[in-house]
């Protein structure tokens, strides 16, 4: 259980601190900011990672290795069971899948996986196929084209 999920227990809902509502509230005058100093000013808060002039943590830690994250080739996954909703003899490509709401973009790279059953003859164009998906499409008399 997380702290924001507690509701029915006594004290489960904490009221927000109402600041700048007069001295009688306990949070009047300086509104909990103290006197003077950089954090008492409007718009204060500083830059992300700023540590008061000390060398920031991300600069103190050694940098090592190489990340392939930005070069990785990501595919959107489509299962054979999702293709079964199309009409018999339909031509299925990225545009068709986008219009059906199965992929996020027309420019998405698509991989077809073999989860589920296929009962219709379809002409599918995708970037990659699993072995089972390829076999299921061909066994129904369909075509599985690989887009470069």
Protein backbone atom coordinates (compact mmCIF):
# COMPACT_ATOMS: atom_id res chain seq x y z
CA UNK A 1 0.00 0.00 0.00
CA UNK A 2 1.31 3.44 -0.92
CA UNK A 3 0.84 6.61 1.09
CA UNK A 4 -1.46 8.21 -1.51
CA UNK A 5 -3.75 5.16 -1.44
CA UNK A 6 -4.62 5.50 2.26
CA UNK A 7 -8.15 6.90 2.53
CA UNK A 8 -10.31 5.34 5.23
CA UNK A 9 -7.73 5.17 8.04
CA UNK A 10 -7.88 7.97 10.64
CA UNK A 11 -5.64 10.81 9.44
CA UNK A 12 -5.54 9.31 5.96
CA UNK A 13 -6.38 12.59 4.24
CA UNK A 14 -4.01 15.39 5.08
CA UNK A 15 -5.29 18.92 4.49
CA UNK A 16 -3.09 21.21 2.45
CA UNK A 17 -1.13 23.97 4.18
CA UNK A 18 -3.00 27.26 3.58
CA UNK A 19 -0.32 29.92 3.54
CA UNK A 20 -0.56 33.75 3.51
CA UNK A 21 -3.88 33.84 5.41
CA UNK A 22 -2.88 36.16 8.23
CA UNK A 23 -0.74 35.83 11.37
CA UNK A 24 -3.41 33.87 13.25
CA UNK A 25 -3.08 30.97 10.80
CA UNK A 26 0.51 30.26 11.82
CA UNK A 27 1.58 30.64 8.19
CA UNK A 28 1.12 34.38 7.72
CA UNK A 29 3.61 37.23 7.16
CA UNK A 30 6.53 35.36 5.54
CA UNK A 31 4.31 32.36 4.70
CA UNK A 32 6.74 29.75 5.96
CA UNK A 33 9.65 31.07 3.87
CA UNK A 34 11.61 32.66 6.72
CA UNK A 35 13.34 36.06 6.50
CA UNK A 36 15.43 37.08 3.47
CA UNK A 37 17.65 34.59 1.65
CA UNK A 38 17.39 33.26 -1.89
CA UNK A 39 14.54 30.80 -1.23
CA UNK A 40 12.36 33.50 0.30
CA UNK A 41 12.12 35.41 -2.98
CA UNK A 42 9.42 35.03 -5.60
CA UNK A 43 10.43 32.73 -8.45
CA UNK A 44 13.13 31.10 -6.32
CA UNK A 45 13.82 27.42 -6.60
CA UNK A 46 17.03 27.33 -8.58
CA UNK A 47 18.18 25.20 -11.45
CA UNK A 48 17.76 21.45 -11.58
CA UNK A 49 20.85 19.79 -10.12
CA UNK A 50 22.23 23.01 -8.62
CA UNK A 51 23.81 22.33 -5.22
CA UNK A 52 24.61 25.80 -3.93
CA UNK A 53 27.92 26.11 -5.75
CA UNK A 54 29.22 22.64 -4.83
CA UNK A 55 30.17 20.36 -7.68
CA UNK A 56 26.85 18.69 -8.67
CA UNK A 57 26.46 14.97 -8.15
CA UNK A 58 26.13 14.18 -11.85
CA UNK A 59 29.50 15.87 -12.46
CA UNK A 60 31.20 14.13 -9.53
CA UNK A 61 30.30 10.64 -10.76
CA UNK A 62 32.50 8.99 -13.40
CA UNK A 63 31.10 8.60 -16.89
CA UNK A 64 31.80 5.22 -18.45
CA UNK A 65 30.60 3.06 -21.27
CA UNK A 66 28.42 3.61 -24.29
CA UNK A 67 24.66 3.59 -24.59
CA UNK A 68 23.04 2.30 -27.75
CA UNK A 69 19.64 3.65 -26.65
CA UNK A 70 19.36 6.45 -29.21
CA UNK A 71 20.42 4.15 -32.07
CA UNK A 72 18.16 1.22 -31.15
CA UNK A 73 15.62 0.08 -33.73
CA UNK A 74 12.21 -0.18 -32.07
CA UNK A 75 9.29 -2.15 -33.47
CA UNK A 76 5.58 -1.98 -32.77
CA UNK A 77 4.15 -5.42 -32.07
CA UNK A 78 1.09 -6.80 -33.85
CA UNK A 79 -0.25 -10.29 -33.15
CA UNK A 80 -1.84 -12.56 -35.75
CA UNK A 81 -5.06 -12.54 -33.69
CA UNK A 82 -5.31 -8.75 -34.24
CA UNK A 83 -5.02 -9.23 -38.01
CA UNK A 84 -7.99 -11.63 -37.99
CA UNK A 85 -10.43 -8.72 -37.62
CA UNK A 86 -9.69 -7.52 -41.18
CA UNK A 87 -11.79 -8.70 -44.14
CA UNK A 88 -10.79 -11.76 -46.16
CA UNK A 89 -8.34 -10.82 -48.94
CA UNK A 90 -7.44 -7.45 -47.37
CA UNK A 91 -4.09 -5.79 -48.04
CA UNK A 92 -2.56 -4.85 -44.68
CA UNK A 93 0.30 -2.35 -44.36
CA UNK A 94 1.38 0.33 -41.89
CA UNK A 95 -1.29 2.77 -43.12
CA UNK A 96 -4.07 0.21 -42.70
CA UNK A 97 -2.88 -0.69 -39.21
CA UNK A 98 -2.65 3.00 -38.25
CA UNK A 99 -6.20 3.66 -39.48
CA UNK A 100 -7.40 0.64 -37.46
CA UNK A 101 -5.69 2.07 -34.34
CA UNK A 102 -3.24 -0.82 -33.96
CA UNK A 103 -0.03 1.23 -34.37
CA UNK A 104 0.90 4.76 -33.30
CA UNK A 105 2.25 6.08 -36.60
CA UNK A 106 2.31 5.35 -40.31
CA UNK A 107 6.12 5.46 -40.10
CA UNK A 108 6.26 2.80 -37.34
CA UNK A 109 8.39 -0.28 -37.87
CA UNK A 110 6.12 -3.30 -37.46
CA UNK A 111 6.82 -6.82 -36.28
CA UNK A 112 4.11 -9.48 -36.56
CA UNK A 113 4.06 -12.16 -33.86
CA UNK A 114 2.20 -15.47 -33.99
CA UNK A 115 -0.02 -15.20 -30.89
CA UNK A 116 -3.58 -16.32 -31.65
CA UNK A 117 -5.25 -17.84 -34.70
CA UNK A 118 -5.71 -16.55 -38.23
CA UNK A 119 -8.63 -17.74 -40.37
CA UNK A 120 -8.51 -15.30 -43.30
CA UNK A 121 -6.37 -14.96 -46.41
CA UNK A 122 -4.46 -11.68 -46.02
CA UNK A 123 -1.67 -9.83 -47.80
CA UNK A 124 0.47 -8.48 -44.96
CA UNK A 125 3.37 -6.04 -45.39
CA UNK A 126 5.59 -5.61 -42.32
CA UNK A 127 9.24 -5.13 -41.42
CA UNK A 128 9.66 -8.40 -39.52
CA UNK A 129 7.76 -11.63 -38.79
CA UNK A 130 8.24 -14.30 -36.19
CA UNK A 131 8.53 -17.81 -37.63
CA UNK A 132 5.11 -18.84 -36.27
CA UNK A 133 3.40 -15.69 -37.60
CA UNK A 134 4.93 -16.20 -41.04
CA UNK A 135 3.76 -19.83 -41.09
CA UNK A 136 0.21 -18.95 -39.97
CA UNK A 137 -0.19 -16.26 -42.65
CA UNK A 138 1.06 -18.60 -45.38
CA UNK A 139 -1.02 -21.57 -44.16
CA UNK A 140 -4.21 -19.52 -44.69
CA UNK A 141 -3.16 -18.84 -48.28
CA UNK A 142 -2.01 -15.31 -47.55
CA UNK A 143 1.16 -13.39 -48.38
CA UNK A 144 3.79 -12.08 -45.96
CA UNK A 145 5.87 -9.35 -47.60
CA UNK A 146 8.92 -7.87 -45.90
CA UNK A 147 9.18 -4.08 -46.19
CA UNK A 148 12.74 -2.78 -46.42
